[in-house]
Amino acid sequence: MKQEPLAVHDAAFGAARSATPMRAWVLGGLGVALFAFSLPATRMAVGTPAMPELAPLFVAMARAVIAGLLAAAWLFWRGAALPSRRLWPAIAGVAAGVVFGFPVLTSLALRQVDAVHASLMLGLLPLTTAAIGALLARQRPSKAFWFWAAAGSVLVCAYALRQAHVVQPGMHGLRLQPADILLIAAMLAGGWGYAQGARLAGSLPAEQVISWAVVCSLPLTLPATLWLWPQHAVAASAWGALAYLGVISMWLGFFAWYRALALGGTVRISQIQLLQPFLSMLAAAALLGEHLDGATLLFAAAVMATVLAGRRARVHPAPAPTTPGSTPEESPQ
């Protein structure tokens, strides 16, 4: 695949997006479904304060090593050429967001809170991804799009507030714990990594975006994993959860996700993530026995309605560059 300059890709990013390809929605849905198991799997891998399993930092580093080694073998087998130098800052941005930031922060948080709670706190990730993606690609979503995106996010926050009162009936508002601060930071890191990866997927094949990000991280993640290797007995379920995080959440899931973002646009496709908290809660209920009630299904249906409505809202493309000769020299950042 010919590497297209990032700025040229940005200028044309929305030109063919007036009717988002169905393939983009299918791939985006597949990516979200795969990512939905990430929080329950992380909770299973790190355990609880009363019954700890793998150390949170070990989980974050080891999942990246698993993905990095698989990606290195895959890139060698495919004979992939090294990306051009101008793309490496953006690849580093992907790594900062989805290889280090999101996994480290969520692993630390999920030792303290359950997967259902974490899923709710990350409910604003789609809006964050859309905002960062629009900024990077210079797109102009319509007021209708932002209305439906905000409506979906409000529903997720309303559900979080309801659950907080269920757990602590006398509490006013949603009390932030230290783990909540980590999850908010994880949301920002994830939005940045998703948006940067989507932008890069216009210049590299989508599967190479995440592959080069995890490979270039190996000089940091591999020594850290060996240093943090557990010295105590760990349940087989924790190791299995770590394997899922490394193979699917950190690598293969991004094949579908970044391709979907590149095909359909970060701003629009990111709204599929509004369903991820509810899919994660279903997974947490099935895998971890965490509580799930009928109200969750009602909120999920309402959020799905906002996603469907948002599909029909316009997203205006970025303006064409006025000085074509200067375009290739613009920074991917």
C-alpha atoms as a PDB file:
ATOM      1  CA  MET A   1       0.000   0.000   0.000  1.00  0.00           C
ATOM      2  CA  LYS A   2       1.380   3.397  -0.981  1.00  0.00           C
ATOM      3  CA  GLN A   3       2.000   5.632   1.989  1.00  0.00           C
ATOM      4  CA  GLU A   4      -0.195   8.700   1.614  1.00  0.00           C
ATOM      5  CA  PRO A   5       0.968  11.939   3.298  1.00  0.00           C
ATOM      6  CA  LEU A   6      -0.992  12.471   6.481  1.00  0.00           C
ATOM      7  CA  ALA A   7      -1.957  16.030   5.684  1.00  0.00           C
ATOM      8  CA  VAL A   8      -3.288  15.027   2.238  1.00  0.00           C
ATOM      9  CA  HIS A   9      -5.301  12.265   3.893  1.00  0.00           C
ATOM     10  CA  ASP A  10      -6.692  14.757   6.414  1.00  0.00           C
ATOM     11  CA  ALA A  11      -7.804  17.124   3.662  1.00  0.00           C
ATOM     12  CA  ALA A  12      -9.759  14.399   1.885  1.00  0.00           C
ATOM     13  CA  PHE A  13     -10.799  12.534   5.018  1.00  0.00           C
ATOM     14  CA  GLY A  14     -14.455  13.436   4.855  1.00  0.00           C
ATOM     15  CA  ALA A  15     -14.911  13.740   1.104  1.00  0.00           C
ATOM     16  CA  ALA A  16     -16.245  10.184   0.735  1.00  0.00           C
ATOM     17  CA  ARG A  17     -17.908  10.014   4.136  1.00  0.00           C
ATOM     18  CA  SER A  18     -21.330  11.433   3.321  1.00  0.00           C
ATOM     19  CA  ALA A  19     -22.526   7.824   3.182  1.00  0.00           C
ATOM     20  CA  THR A  20     -20.373   5.839   5.589  1.00  0.00           C
ATOM     21  CA  PRO A  21     -19.644   2.374   4.126  1.00  0.00           C
ATOM     22  CA  MET A  22     -21.509  -0.462   5.840  1.00  0.00           C
ATOM     23  CA  ARG A  23     -18.171  -2.279   6.054  1.00  0.00           C
ATOM     24  CA  ALA A  24     -16.922   0.463   8.377  1.00  0.00           C
ATOM     25  CA  TRP A  25     -19.864  -0.054  10.737  1.00  0.00           C
ATOM     26  CA  VAL A  26     -19.388  -3.842  10.703  1.00  0.00           C
ATOM     27  CA  LEU A  27     -15.652  -3.611  11.383  1.00  0.00           C
ATOM     28  CA  GLY A  28     -16.240  -0.976  14.055  1.00  0.00           C
ATOM     29  CA  GLY A  29     -18.832  -3.184  15.739  1.00  0.00           C
ATOM     30  CA  LEU A  30     -16.428  -6.140  15.634  1.00  0.00           C
ATOM     31  CA  GLY A  31     -13.642  -4.062  17.175  1.00  0.00           C
ATOM     32  CA  VAL A  32     -15.901  -2.787  19.952  1.00  0.00           C
ATOM     33  CA  ALA A  33     -17.153  -6.315  20.673  1.00  0.00           C
ATOM     34  CA  LEU A  34     -13.575  -7.564  21.008  1.00  0.00           C
ATOM     35  CA  PHE A  35     -12.556  -4.617  23.182  1.00  0.00           C
ATOM     36  CA  ALA A  36     -15.621  -5.133  25.397  1.00  0.00           C
ATOM     37  CA  PHE A  37     -13.895  -8.087  27.055  1.00  0.00           C
ATOM     38  CA  SER A  38     -10.795  -6.024  27.882  1.00  0.00           C
ATOM     39  CA  LEU A  39     -11.970  -4.614  31.230  1.00  0.00           C
ATOM     40  CA  PRO A  40     -13.385  -7.920  32.573  1.00  0.00           C
ATOM     41  CA  ALA A  41     -10.231  -9.699  31.390  1.00  0.00           C
ATOM     42  CA  THR A  42      -8.045  -7.089  33.090  1.00  0.00           C
ATOM     43  CA  ARG A  43     -10.031  -7.469  36.315  1.00  0.00           C
ATOM     44  CA  MET A  44      -9.592 -11.241  36.062  1.00  0.00           C
ATOM     45  CA  ALA A  45      -5.845 -10.860  35.467  1.00  0.00           C
ATOM     46  CA  VAL A  46      -5.104  -8.439  38.333  1.00  0.00           C
ATOM     47  CA  GLY A  47      -7.569  -9.866  40.866  1.00  0.00           C
ATOM     48  CA  THR A  48      -8.847  -7.910  43.857  1.00  0.00           C
ATOM     49  CA  PRO A  49      -7.128  -6.392  46.915  1.00  0.00           C
ATOM     50  CA  ALA A  50      -8.354  -9.393  48.915  1.00  0.00           C
ATOM     51  CA  MET A  51      -7.355 -11.945  46.262  1.00  0.00           C
ATOM     52  CA  PRO A  52      -4.604 -10.432  44.083  1.00  0.00           C
ATOM     53  CA  GLU A  53      -3.329 -12.237  41.018  1.00  0.00           C
ATOM     54  CA  LEU A  54      -0.895 -10.566  38.603  1.00  0.00           C
ATOM     55  CA  ALA A  55       0.528  -7.134  39.425  1.00  0.00           C
ATOM     56  CA  PRO A  56      -1.249  -4.359  37.464  1.00  0.00           C
ATOM     57  CA  LEU A  57       1.955  -2.987  35.928  1.00  0.00           C
ATOM     58  CA  PHE A  58       3.017  -6.500  34.923  1.00  0.00           C
ATOM     59  CA  VAL A  59      -0.318  -7.024  33.157  1.00  0.00           C
ATOM     60  CA  ALA A  60       0.035  -3.729  31.276  1.00  0.00           C
ATOM     61  CA  MET A  61       3.596  -4.488  30.145  1.00  0.00           C
ATOM     62  CA  ALA A  62       3.141  -8.197  29.469  1.00  0.00           C
ATOM     63  CA  ARG A  63       0.103  -7.711  27.234  1.00  0.00           C
ATOM     64  CA  ALA A  64       2.154  -5.298  25.138  1.00  0.00           C
ATOM     65  CA  VAL A  65       5.028  -7.806  24.936  1.00  0.00           C
ATOM     66  CA  ILE A  66       2.700 -10.571  23.745  1.00  0.00           C
ATOM     67  CA  ALA A  67       1.311  -8.272  21.080  1.00  0.00           C
ATOM     68  CA  GLY A  68       4.776  -6.956  20.186  1.00  0.00           C
ATOM     69  CA  LEU A  69       6.313 -10.380  19.630  1.00  0.00           C
ATOM     70  CA  LEU A  70       3.350 -11.538  17.550  1.00  0.00           C
ATOM     71  CA  ALA A  71       3.411  -8.307  15.558  1.00  0.00           C
ATOM     72  CA  ALA A  72       7.175  -8.584  14.923  1.00  0.00           C
ATOM     73  CA  ALA A  73       6.744 -12.113  13.543  1.00  0.00           C
ATOM     74  CA  TRP A  74       3.755 -11.036  11.438  1.00  0.00           C
ATOM     75  CA  LEU A  75       5.529  -7.986   9.993  1.00  0.00           C
ATOM     76  CA  PHE A  76       8.573 -10.143   9.129  1.00  0.00           C
ATOM     77  CA  TRP A  77       6.354 -12.774   7.488  1.00  0.00           C
ATOM     78  CA  ARG A  78       4.553 -10.098   5.445  1.00  0.00           C
ATOM     79  CA  GLY A  79       7.856  -8.460   4.478  1.00  0.00           C
ATOM     80  CA  ALA A  80       6.550  -5.089   5.659  1.00  0.00           C
ATOM     81  CA  ALA A  81       8.842  -2.154   4.996  1.00  0.00           C
ATOM     82  CA  LEU A  82       9.735   0.256   7.779  1.00  0.00           C
ATOM     83  CA  PRO A  83       7.400   3.286   7.848  1.00  0.00           C
ATOM     84  CA  SER A  84       8.917   6.537   6.643  1.00  0.00           C
ATOM     85  CA  ARG A  85      10.539   8.754   9.250  1.00  0.00           C
ATOM     86  CA  ARG A  86       7.759  11.337   9.152  1.00  0.00           C
ATOM     87  CA  LEU A  87       5.272   8.729  10.431  1.00  0.00           C
ATOM     88  CA  TRP A  88       7.194   7.676  13.530  1.00  0.00           C
ATOM     89  CA  PRO A  89       6.077  10.585  15.749  1.00  0.00           C
ATOM     90  CA  ALA A  90       2.460   9.596  15.112  1.00  0.00           C
ATOM     91  CA  ILE A  91       3.276   5.906  15.733  1.00  0.00           C
ATOM     92  CA  ALA A  92       4.835   6.982  19.037  1.00  0.00           C
ATOM     93  CA  GLY A  93       1.601   8.867  19.775  1.00  0.00           C
ATOM     94  CA  VAL A  94      -0.394   5.669  19.226  1.00  0.00           C
ATOM     95  CA  ALA A  95       1.957   3.779  21.542  1.00  0.00           C
ATOM     96  CA  ALA A  96       1.698   6.453  24.223  1.00  0.00           C
ATOM     97  CA  GLY A  97      -2.079   6.227  24.184  1.00  0.00           C
ATOM     98  CA  VAL A  98      -3.012   2.580  23.660  1.00  0.00           C
ATOM     99  CA  VAL A  99       0.174   0.643  24.494  1.00  0.00           C
ATOM    100  CA  PHE A 100       1.167   2.478  27.683  1.00  0.00           C
ATOM    101  CA  GLY A 101      -1.444   5.002  28.828  1.00  0.00           C
ATOM    102  CA  PHE A 102      -4.749   3.129  28.622  1.00  0.00           C
ATOM    103  CA  PRO A 103      -3.474  -0.334  29.702  1.00  0.00           C
ATOM    104  CA  VAL A 104      -1.382   0.943  32.622  1.00  0.00           C
ATOM    105  CA  LEU A 105      -4.089   3.222  33.980  1.00  0.00           C
ATOM    106  CA  THR A 106      -6.928   0.715  33.652  1.00  0.00           C
ATOM    107  CA  SER A 107      -4.842  -2.098  35.154  1.00  0.00           C
ATOM    108  CA  LEU A 108      -4.097   0.034  38.217  1.00  0.00           C
ATOM    109  CA  ALA A 109      -7.738   1.105  38.537  1.00  0.00           C
ATOM    110  CA  LEU A 110      -9.218  -2.373  38.134  1.00  0.00           C
ATOM    111  CA  ARG A 111      -7.371  -3.678  41.162  1.00  0.00           C
ATOM    112  CA  GLN A 112      -9.575  -1.252  43.181  1.00  0.00           C
ATOM    113  CA  VAL A 113     -12.955  -1.229  41.362  1.00  0.00           C
ATOM    114  CA  ASP A 114     -14.963  -3.844  39.508  1.00  0.00           C
ATOM    115  CA  ALA A 115     -15.305  -4.058  35.737  1.00  0.00           C
ATOM    116  CA  VAL A 116     -18.894  -2.753  35.714  1.00  0.00           C
ATOM    117  CA  HIS A 117     -17.817   0.440  37.517  1.00  0.00           C
ATOM    118  CA  ALA A 118     -14.860   0.917  35.169  1.00  0.00           C
ATOM    119  CA  SER A 119     -17.076   0.401  32.120  1.00  0.00           C
ATOM    120  CA  LEU A 120     -19.372   3.192  33.259  1.00  0.00           C
ATOM    121  CA  MET A 121     -16.565   5.617  34.023  1.00  0.00           C
ATOM    122  CA  LEU A 122     -15.160   5.083  30.516  1.00  0.00           C
ATOM    123  CA  GLY A 123     -18.537   5.828  28.953  1.00  0.00           C
ATOM    124  CA  LEU A 124     -17.337   9.200  27.624  1.00  0.00           C
ATOM    125  CA  LEU A 125     -14.528   7.601  25.577  1.00  0.00           C
ATOM    126  CA  PRO A 126     -16.503   7.910  22.302  1.00  0.00           C
ATOM    127  CA  LEU A 127     -16.996  11.655  22.774  1.00  0.00           C
ATOM    128  CA  THR A 128     -13.320  12.062  23.659  1.00  0.00           C
ATOM    129  CA  THR A 129     -12.245  10.086  20.592  1.00  0.00           C
ATOM    130  CA  ALA A 130     -14.594  12.101  18.359  1.00  0.00           C
ATOM    131  CA  ALA A 131     -13.341  15.431  19.693  1.00  0.00           C
ATOM    132  CA  ILE A 132      -9.658  14.529  19.320  1.00  0.00           C
ATOM    133  CA  GLY A 133     -10.268  12.948  15.911  1.00  0.00           C
ATOM    134  CA  ALA A 134     -12.097  16.027  14.649  1.00  0.00           C
ATOM    135  CA  LEU A 135      -9.265  18.246  15.886  1.00  0.00           C
ATOM    136  CA  LEU A 136      -6.531  16.158  14.251  1.00  0.00           C
ATOM    137  CA  ALA A 137      -8.370  15.716  10.932  1.00  0.00           C
ATOM    138  CA  ARG A 138      -9.798  19.270  10.938  1.00  0.00           C
ATOM    139  CA  GLN A 139     -13.307  17.903  10.418  1.00  0.00           C
ATOM    140  CA  ARG A 140     -16.455  19.849  11.315  1.00  0.00           C
ATOM    141  CA  PRO A 141     -19.203  17.618  12.713  1.00  0.00           C
ATOM    142  CA  SER A 142     -22.689  19.063  12.438  1.00  0.00           C
ATOM    143  CA  LYS A 143     -24.678  20.269  15.431  1.00  0.00           C
ATOM    144  CA  ALA A 144     -26.956  17.263  15.014  1.00  0.00           C
ATOM    145  CA  PHE A 145     -23.989  14.911  15.323  1.00  0.00           C
ATOM    146  CA  TRP A 146     -22.763  16.545  18.518  1.00  0.00           C
ATOM    147  CA  PHE A 147     -26.302  16.525  19.886  1.00  0.00           C
ATOM    148  CA  TRP A 148     -26.635  12.756  19.505  1.00  0.00           C
ATOM    149  CA  ALA A 149     -23.070  12.141  20.701  1.00  0.00           C
ATOM    150  CA  ALA A 150     -23.736  14.230  23.801  1.00  0.00           C
ATOM    151  CA  ALA A 151     -27.106  12.535  24.332  1.00  0.00           C
ATOM    152  CA  GLY A 152     -25.472   9.120  24.348  1.00  0.00           C
ATOM    153  CA  SER A 153     -22.796  10.307  26.746  1.00  0.00           C
ATOM    154  CA  VAL A 154     -25.409  11.848  29.068  1.00  0.00           C
ATOM    155  CA  LEU A 155     -27.244   8.524  29.141  1.00  0.00           C
ATOM    156  CA  VAL A 156     -24.048   6.735  30.129  1.00  0.00           C
ATOM    157  CA  CYS A 157     -23.356   9.305  32.864  1.00  0.00           C
ATOM    158  CA  ALA A 158     -26.970   9.070  34.079  1.00  0.00           C
ATOM    159  CA  TYR A 159     -26.575   5.339  34.387  1.00  0.00           C
ATOM    160  CA  ALA A 160     -23.328   5.810  36.331  1.00  0.00           C
ATOM    161  CA  LEU A 161     -25.107   8.223  38.701  1.00  0.00           C
ATOM    162  CA  ARG A 162     -27.989   5.780  39.155  1.00  0.00           C
ATOM    163  CA  GLN A 163     -25.613   2.937  39.948  1.00  0.00           C
ATOM    164  CA  ALA A 164     -23.741   5.093  42.452  1.00  0.00           C
ATOM    165  CA  HIS A 165     -26.988   5.717  44.352  1.00  0.00           C
ATOM    166  CA  VAL A 166     -27.863   2.014  44.217  1.00  0.00           C
ATOM    167  CA  VAL A 167     -24.539   1.116  45.803  1.00  0.00           C
ATOM    168  CA  GLN A 168     -24.571   4.032  48.299  1.00  0.00           C
ATOM    169  CA  PRO A 169     -28.221   5.165  48.711  1.00  0.00           C
ATOM    170  CA  GLY A 170     -27.468   8.287  50.754  1.00  0.00           C
ATOM    171  CA  MET A 171     -24.795   9.637  48.460  1.00  0.00           C
ATOM    172  CA  HIS A 172     -25.337  12.890  46.542  1.00  0.00           C
ATOM    173  CA  GLY A 173     -23.606  12.935  43.172  1.00  0.00           C
ATOM    174  CA  LEU A 174     -20.979  10.590  41.808  1.00  0.00           C
ATOM    175  CA  ARG A 175     -18.068  10.463  44.229  1.00  0.00           C
ATOM    176  CA  LEU A 176     -14.697  10.254  42.537  1.00  0.00           C
ATOM    177  CA  GLN A 177     -12.291   7.721  43.975  1.00  0.00           C
ATOM    178  CA  PRO A 178      -8.566   7.554  43.161  1.00  0.00           C
ATOM    179  CA  ALA A 179      -9.434   4.744  40.737  1.00  0.00           C
ATOM    180  CA  ASP A 180     -11.903   7.072  39.000  1.00  0.00           C
ATOM    181  CA  ILE A 181      -9.144   9.619  38.392  1.00  0.00           C
ATOM    182  CA  LEU A 182      -7.072   6.862  36.792  1.00  0.00           C
ATOM    183  CA  LEU A 183     -10.019   5.869  34.595  1.00  0.00           C
ATOM    184  CA  ILE A 184     -10.598   9.453  33.449  1.00  0.00           C
ATOM    185  CA  ALA A 185      -6.915   9.700  32.507  1.00  0.00           C
ATOM    186  CA  ALA A 186      -7.233   6.336  30.725  1.00  0.00           C
ATOM    187  CA  MET A 187     -10.170   7.716  28.755  1.00  0.00           C
ATOM    188  CA  LEU A 188      -8.076  10.645  27.536  1.00  0.00           C
ATOM    189  CA  ALA A 189      -5.150   8.364  26.668  1.00  0.00           C
ATOM    190  CA  GLY A 190      -7.414   5.959  24.803  1.00  0.00           C
ATOM    191  CA  GLY A 191      -9.101   8.743  22.828  1.00  0.00           C
ATOM    192  CA  TRP A 192      -5.710  10.107  21.794  1.00  0.00           C
ATOM    193  CA  GLY A 193      -4.402   6.691  20.745  1.00  0.00           C
ATOM    194  CA  TYR A 194      -7.547   5.850  18.794  1.00  0.00           C
ATOM    195  CA  ALA A 195      -7.587   9.163  16.945  1.00  0.00           C
ATOM    196  CA  GLN A 196      -3.878   9.063  16.115  1.00  0.00           C
ATOM    197  CA  GLY A 197      -4.176   5.473  14.904  1.00  0.00           C
ATOM    198  CA  ALA A 198      -7.148   6.318  12.707  1.00  0.00           C
ATOM    199  CA  ARG A 199      -5.213   9.148  11.121  1.00  0.00           C
ATOM    200  CA  LEU A 200      -2.211   6.904  10.503  1.00  0.00           C
ATOM    201  CA  ALA A 201      -4.457   4.270   8.903  1.00  0.00           C
ATOM    202  CA  GLY A 202      -4.749   6.635   5.942  1.00  0.00           C
ATOM    203  CA  SER A 203      -1.008   6.303   5.327  1.00  0.00           C
ATOM    204  CA  LEU A 204      -0.357   2.723   6.504  1.00  0.00           C
ATOM    205  CA  PRO A 205      -2.440  -0.446   6.383  1.00  0.00           C
ATOM    206  CA  ALA A 206      -4.558  -0.475   9.541  1.00  0.00           C
ATOM    207  CA  GLU A 207      -2.976  -3.686  10.827  1.00  0.00           C
ATOM    208  CA  GLN A 208       0.496  -2.180  10.512  1.00  0.00           C
ATOM    209  CA  VAL A 209      -0.436   0.850  12.615  1.00  0.00           C
ATOM    210  CA  ILE A 210      -0.887  -1.116  15.844  1.00  0.00           C
ATOM    211  CA  SER A 211       1.828  -3.620  14.888  1.00  0.00           C
ATOM    212  CA  TRP A 212       4.551  -1.004  14.559  1.00  0.00           C
ATOM    213  CA  ALA A 213       3.309   0.704  17.742  1.00  0.00           C
ATOM    214  CA  VAL A 214       3.722  -2.449  19.863  1.00  0.00           C
ATOM    215  CA  VAL A 215       6.974  -3.439  18.162  1.00  0.00           C
ATOM    216  CA  CYS A 216       8.605  -0.056  18.778  1.00  0.00           C
ATOM    217  CA  SER A 217       7.514  -0.336  22.422  1.00  0.00           C
ATOM    218  CA  LEU A 218       9.355  -3.637  23.013  1.00  0.00           C
ATOM    219  CA  PRO A 219      12.631  -2.000  24.202  1.00  0.00           C
ATOM    220  CA  LEU A 220      10.613  -0.671  27.162  1.00  0.00           C
ATOM    221  CA  THR A 221       7.914  -3.313  27.659  1.00  0.00           C
ATOM    222  CA  LEU A 222      10.094  -6.436  27.420  1.00  0.00           C
ATOM    223  CA  PRO A 223      12.624  -5.505  30.157  1.00  0.00           C
ATOM    224  CA  ALA A 224       9.778  -4.250  32.368  1.00  0.00           C
ATOM    225  CA  THR A 225       7.894  -7.529  31.956  1.00  0.00           C
ATOM    226  CA  LEU A 226      10.938  -9.612  32.883  1.00  0.00           C
ATOM    227  CA  TRP A 227      11.640  -7.357  35.881  1.00  0.00           C
ATOM    228  CA  LEU A 228       8.048  -7.586  37.125  1.00  0.00           C
ATOM    229  CA  TRP A 229       7.599 -11.321  36.486  1.00  0.00           C
ATOM    230  CA  PRO A 230       5.500 -12.781  39.349  1.00  0.00           C
ATOM    231  CA  GLN A 231       7.283 -14.836  41.984  1.00  0.00           C
ATOM    232  CA  HIS A 232       4.102 -16.342  43.450  1.00  0.00           C
ATOM    233  CA  ALA A 233       1.527 -18.827  42.218  1.00  0.00           C
ATOM    234  CA  VAL A 234      -1.031 -17.337  39.831  1.00  0.00           C
ATOM    235  CA  ALA A 235      -4.366 -18.853  38.819  1.00  0.00           C
ATOM    236  CA  ALA A 236      -4.646 -20.272  35.304  1.00  0.00           C
ATOM    237  CA  SER A 237      -7.625 -17.983  34.674  1.00  0.00           C
ATOM    238  CA  ALA A 238      -5.406 -14.930  35.249  1.00  0.00           C
ATOM    239  CA  TRP A 239      -2.859 -16.177  32.711  1.00  0.00           C
ATOM    240  CA  GLY A 240      -5.670 -16.898  30.248  1.00  0.00           C
ATOM    241  CA  ALA A 241      -7.045 -13.395  30.704  1.00  0.00           C
ATOM    242  CA  LEU A 242      -3.561 -11.965  30.086  1.00  0.00           C
ATOM    243  CA  ALA A 243      -3.311 -13.990  26.874  1.00  0.00           C
ATOM    244  CA  TYR A 244      -6.609 -12.514  25.673  1.00  0.00           C
ATOM    245  CA  LEU A 245      -5.422  -8.995  26.490  1.00  0.00           C
ATOM    246  CA  GLY A 246      -2.190  -9.489  24.563  1.00  0.00           C
ATOM    247  CA  VAL A 247      -3.499 -11.283  21.483  1.00  0.00           C
ATOM    248  CA  ILE A 248      -6.940  -9.692  21.043  1.00  0.00           C
ATOM    249  CA  SER A 249      -7.220  -6.459  23.044  1.00  0.00           C
ATOM    250  CA  MET A 250      -3.729  -5.195  22.274  1.00  0.00           C
ATOM    251  CA  TRP A 251      -3.323  -6.477  18.716  1.00  0.00           C
ATOM    252  CA  LEU A 252      -5.983  -8.221  16.605  1.00  0.00           C
ATOM    253  CA  GLY A 253      -8.859  -6.055  17.850  1.00  0.00           C
ATOM    254  CA  PHE A 254      -7.108  -2.996  16.427  1.00  0.00           C
ATOM    255  CA  PHE A 255      -6.983  -4.569  12.958  1.00  0.00           C
ATOM    256  CA  ALA A 256     -10.754  -4.164  12.715  1.00  0.00           C
ATOM    257  CA  TRP A 257     -10.985  -0.947  14.765  1.00  0.00           C
ATOM    258  CA  TYR A 258      -8.391   1.162  12.961  1.00  0.00           C
ATOM    259  CA  ARG A 259      -9.645  -0.048   9.568  1.00  0.00           C
ATOM    260  CA  ALA A 260     -13.171   0.990  10.564  1.00  0.00           C
ATOM    261  CA  LEU A 261     -12.020   4.428  11.730  1.00  0.00           C
ATOM    262  CA  ALA A 262     -10.093   4.948   8.494  1.00  0.00           C
ATOM    263  CA  LEU A 263     -13.043   3.873   6.309  1.00  0.00           C
ATOM    264  CA  GLY A 264     -15.820   5.686   8.135  1.00  0.00           C
ATOM    265  CA  GLY A 265     -14.052   8.555   9.860  1.00  0.00           C
ATOM    266  CA  THR A 266     -12.988   8.815  13.499  1.00  0.00           C
ATOM    267  CA  VAL A 267     -15.759  11.240  14.457  1.00  0.00           C
ATOM    268  CA  ARG A 268     -18.628   9.087  13.222  1.00  0.00           C
ATOM    269  CA  ILE A 269     -17.374   5.525  13.863  1.00  0.00           C
ATOM    270  CA  SER A 270     -16.162   6.375  17.373  1.00  0.00           C
ATOM    271  CA  GLN A 271     -19.799   6.609  18.479  1.00  0.00           C
ATOM    272  CA  ILE A 272     -20.122   2.818  18.231  1.00  0.00           C
ATOM    273  CA  GLN A 273     -18.053   2.821  21.418  1.00  0.00           C
ATOM    274  CA  LEU A 274     -21.129   4.045  23.278  1.00  0.00           C
ATOM    275  CA  LEU A 275     -22.214   0.411  23.290  1.00  0.00           C
ATOM    276  CA  GLN A 276     -18.913  -0.822  24.720  1.00  0.00           C
ATOM    277  CA  PRO A 277     -19.696  -0.111  28.418  1.00  0.00           C
ATOM    278  CA  PHE A 278     -22.835  -2.211  28.213  1.00  0.00           C
ATOM    279  CA  LEU A 279     -21.132  -5.031  26.328  1.00  0.00           C
ATOM    280  CA  SER A 280     -18.373  -4.934  28.954  1.00  0.00           C
ATOM    281  CA  MET A 281     -20.958  -5.188  31.722  1.00  0.00           C
ATOM    282  CA  LEU A 282     -22.559  -8.193  30.056  1.00  0.00           C
ATOM    283  CA  ALA A 283     -19.118  -9.794  29.814  1.00  0.00           C
ATOM    284  CA  ALA A 284     -18.383  -8.949  33.460  1.00  0.00           C
ATOM    285  CA  ALA A 285     -21.667 -10.529  34.531  1.00  0.00           C
ATOM    286  CA  ALA A 286     -20.944 -13.678  32.540  1.00  0.00           C
ATOM    287  CA  LEU A 287     -17.258 -14.074  33.400  1.00  0.00           C
ATOM    288  CA  LEU A 288     -17.004 -12.565  36.873  1.00  0.00           C
ATOM    289  CA  GLY A 289     -20.534 -12.882  38.240  1.00  0.00           C
ATOM    290  CA  GLU A 290     -20.862  -9.120  38.684  1.00  0.00           C
ATOM    291  CA  HIS A 291     -24.384  -7.745  39.151  1.00  0.00           C
ATOM    292  CA  LEU A 292     -26.414  -6.804  36.080  1.00  0.00           C
ATOM    293  CA  ASP A 293     -30.041  -5.677  36.274  1.00  0.00           C
ATOM    294  CA  GLY A 294     -32.862  -4.906  33.839  1.00  0.00           C
ATOM    295  CA  ALA A 295     -32.198  -1.158  33.905  1.00  0.00           C
ATOM    296  CA  THR A 296     -28.873  -1.793  32.186  1.00  0.00           C
ATOM    297  CA  LEU A 297     -30.660  -3.311  29.215  1.00  0.00           C
ATOM    298  CA  LEU A 298     -33.001  -0.298  29.004  1.00  0.00           C
ATOM    299  CA  PHE A 299     -30.096   2.134  29.043  1.00  0.00           C
ATOM    300  CA  ALA A 300     -28.307   0.006  26.429  1.00  0.00           C
ATOM    301  CA  ALA A 301     -31.329   0.238  24.125  1.00  0.00           C
ATOM    302  CA  ALA A 302     -31.463   4.021  24.567  1.00  0.00           C
ATOM    303  CA  VAL A 303     -27.747   4.389  23.859  1.00  0.00           C
ATOM    304  CA  MET A 304     -28.109   2.224  20.753  1.00  0.00           C
ATOM    305  CA  ALA A 305     -30.811   4.614  19.543  1.00  0.00           C
ATOM    306  CA  THR A 306     -28.401   7.561  19.822  1.00  0.00           C
ATOM    307  CA  VAL A 307     -25.779   5.637  17.826  1.00  0.00           C
ATOM    308  CA  LEU A 308     -28.303   4.937  15.060  1.00  0.00           C
ATOM    309  CA  ALA A 309     -29.417   8.578  15.033  1.00  0.00           C
ATOM    310  CA  GLY A 310     -25.822   9.785  14.974  1.00  0.00           C
ATOM    311  CA  ARG A 311     -25.174   7.677  11.872  1.00  0.00           C
ATOM    312  CA  ARG A 312     -27.499   9.971   9.908  1.00  0.00           C
ATOM    313  CA  ALA A 313     -25.960  13.247  11.092  1.00  0.00           C
ATOM    314  CA  ARG A 314     -23.587  15.057   8.757  1.00  0.00           C
ATOM    315  CA  VAL A 315     -19.829  15.291   9.306  1.00  0.00           C
ATOM    316  CA  HIS A 316     -18.279  17.985   7.097  1.00  0.00           C
ATOM    317  CA  PRO A 317     -14.874  17.174   5.563  1.00  0.00           C
ATOM    318  CA  ALA A 318     -11.673  19.004   6.290  1.00  0.00           C
ATOM    319  CA  PRO A 319     -10.951  21.955   3.975  1.00  0.00           C
ATOM    320  CA  ALA A 320      -8.632  21.211   1.070  1.00  0.00           C
ATOM    321  CA  PRO A 321      -5.042  22.453   1.521  1.00  0.00           C
ATOM    322  CA  THR A 322      -4.447  25.802  -0.183  1.00  0.00           C
ATOM    323  CA  THR A 323      -0.729  25.190  -0.821  1.00  0.00           C
ATOM    324  CA  PRO A 324      -0.336  21.687  -2.290  1.00  0.00           C
ATOM    325  CA  GLY A 325       3.390  21.910  -2.479  1.00  0.00           C
ATOM    326  CA  SER A 326       3.738  22.342   1.255  1.00  0.00           C
ATOM    327  CA  THR A 327       1.399  19.523   2.239  1.00  0.00           C
ATOM    328  CA  PRO A 328       3.832  16.591   2.393  1.00  0.00           C
ATOM    329  CA  GLU A 329       6.068  18.458   4.765  1.00  0.00           C
ATOM    330  CA  GLU A 330       3.414  18.999   7.422  1.00  0.00           C
ATOM    331  CA  SER A 331       3.878  17.145  10.647  1.00  0.00           C
ATOM    332  CA  PRO A 332       1.682  14.119  11.446  1.00  0.00           C
ATOM    333  CA  GLN A 333       1.161  15.616  14.845  1.00  0.00           C
END
